[in-house]
Amino acid sequence: MEVNTNSSSAMDWILFLVSTAVMVFMLIYMNEWFWVALPFSLTYLVKALRAM
């Protein structure tokens, strides 16, 4: 079976940018809780770069 992953890369980049923006927002306004958004940002970066 062949799986098409070309379309998911664009979505992964969008999710990475959104989660990074949320992380920066949390770092500015709720700096003790920014680590909650950190795994999402890093996970989608790895998926967008196709390293996973």
C-alpha atoms as a PDB file:
ATOM      1  CA  MET A   1       0.000   0.000   0.000  1.00  0.00           C
ATOM      2  CA  GLU A   2       1.227   3.455  -0.863  1.00  0.00           C
ATOM      3  CA  VAL A   3       0.355   6.392   1.366  1.00  0.00           C
ATOM      4  CA  ASN A   4       0.268   9.925   0.001  1.00  0.00           C
ATOM      5  CA  THR A   5       1.886  12.311   2.510  1.00  0.00           C
ATOM      6  CA  ASN A   6       2.394  15.345   0.256  1.00  0.00           C
ATOM      7  CA  SER A   7      -0.798  17.099   1.349  1.00  0.00           C
ATOM      8  CA  SER A   8      -0.134  16.575   5.046  1.00  0.00           C
ATOM      9  CA  SER A   9       3.148  18.466   4.885  1.00  0.00           C
ATOM     10  CA  ALA A  10       1.403  21.777   4.193  1.00  0.00           C
ATOM     11  CA  MET A  11      -0.995  21.146   7.053  1.00  0.00           C
ATOM     12  CA  ASP A  12       1.935  20.248   9.315  1.00  0.00           C
ATOM     13  CA  TRP A  13       3.632  23.568   8.496  1.00  0.00           C
ATOM     14  CA  ILE A  14       0.432  25.459   9.257  1.00  0.00           C
ATOM     15  CA  LEU A  15      -0.016  23.621  12.552  1.00  0.00           C
ATOM     16  CA  PHE A  16       3.632  24.295  13.406  1.00  0.00           C
ATOM     17  CA  LEU A  17       3.222  28.028  12.801  1.00  0.00           C
ATOM     18  CA  VAL A  18      -0.014  28.212  14.781  1.00  0.00           C
ATOM     19  CA  SER A  19       1.378  26.243  17.710  1.00  0.00           C
ATOM     20  CA  THR A  20       4.556  28.346  17.697  1.00  0.00           C
ATOM     21  CA  ALA A  21       2.461  31.524  17.769  1.00  0.00           C
ATOM     22  CA  VAL A  22       0.477  30.117  20.705  1.00  0.00           C
ATOM     23  CA  MET A  23       3.727  29.193  22.451  1.00  0.00           C
ATOM     24  CA  VAL A  24       5.148  32.717  21.980  1.00  0.00           C
ATOM     25  CA  PHE A  25       1.878  34.226  23.223  1.00  0.00           C
ATOM     26  CA  MET A  26       2.016  32.005  26.288  1.00  0.00           C
ATOM     27  CA  LEU A  27       5.684  32.854  26.807  1.00  0.00           C
ATOM     28  CA  ILE A  28       4.842  36.569  26.851  1.00  0.00           C
ATOM     29  CA  TYR A  29       1.664  36.513  28.941  1.00  0.00           C
ATOM     30  CA  MET A  30       1.767  33.225  30.877  1.00  0.00           C
ATOM     31  CA  ASN A  31       5.469  32.456  30.982  1.00  0.00           C
ATOM     32  CA  GLU A  32       5.190  29.753  33.618  1.00  0.00           C
ATOM     33  CA  TRP A  33       2.837  27.748  31.361  1.00  0.00           C
ATOM     34  CA  PHE A  34       4.508  28.090  27.926  1.00  0.00           C
ATOM     35  CA  TRP A  35       5.895  24.554  28.186  1.00  0.00           C
ATOM     36  CA  VAL A  36       2.358  23.212  27.686  1.00  0.00           C
ATOM     37  CA  ALA A  37       2.453  24.363  24.030  1.00  0.00           C
ATOM     38  CA  LEU A  38       6.082  23.341  23.475  1.00  0.00           C
ATOM     39  CA  PRO A  39       5.466  19.650  22.561  1.00  0.00           C
ATOM     40  CA  PHE A  40       2.927  20.615  19.880  1.00  0.00           C
ATOM     41  CA  SER A  41       5.300  23.061  18.254  1.00  0.00           C
ATOM     42  CA  LEU A  42       8.213  20.649  18.224  1.00  0.00           C
ATOM     43  CA  THR A  43       6.132  17.675  17.085  1.00  0.00           C
ATOM     44  CA  TYR A  44       4.702  19.496  14.080  1.00  0.00           C
ATOM     45  CA  LEU A  45       8.139  20.875  13.181  1.00  0.00           C
ATOM     46  CA  VAL A  46       9.528  17.349  13.064  1.00  0.00           C
ATOM     47  CA  LYS A  47       6.539  16.128  11.036  1.00  0.00           C
ATOM     48  CA  ALA A  48       6.767  19.073   8.608  1.00  0.00           C
ATOM     49  CA  LEU A  49      10.456  18.397   8.040  1.00  0.00           C
ATOM     50  CA  ARG A  50       9.578  14.711   7.506  1.00  0.00           C
ATOM     51  CA  ALA A  51      12.094  13.613  10.087  1.00  0.00           C
ATOM     52  CA  MET A  52       9.580  11.269  11.707  1.00  0.00           C
END
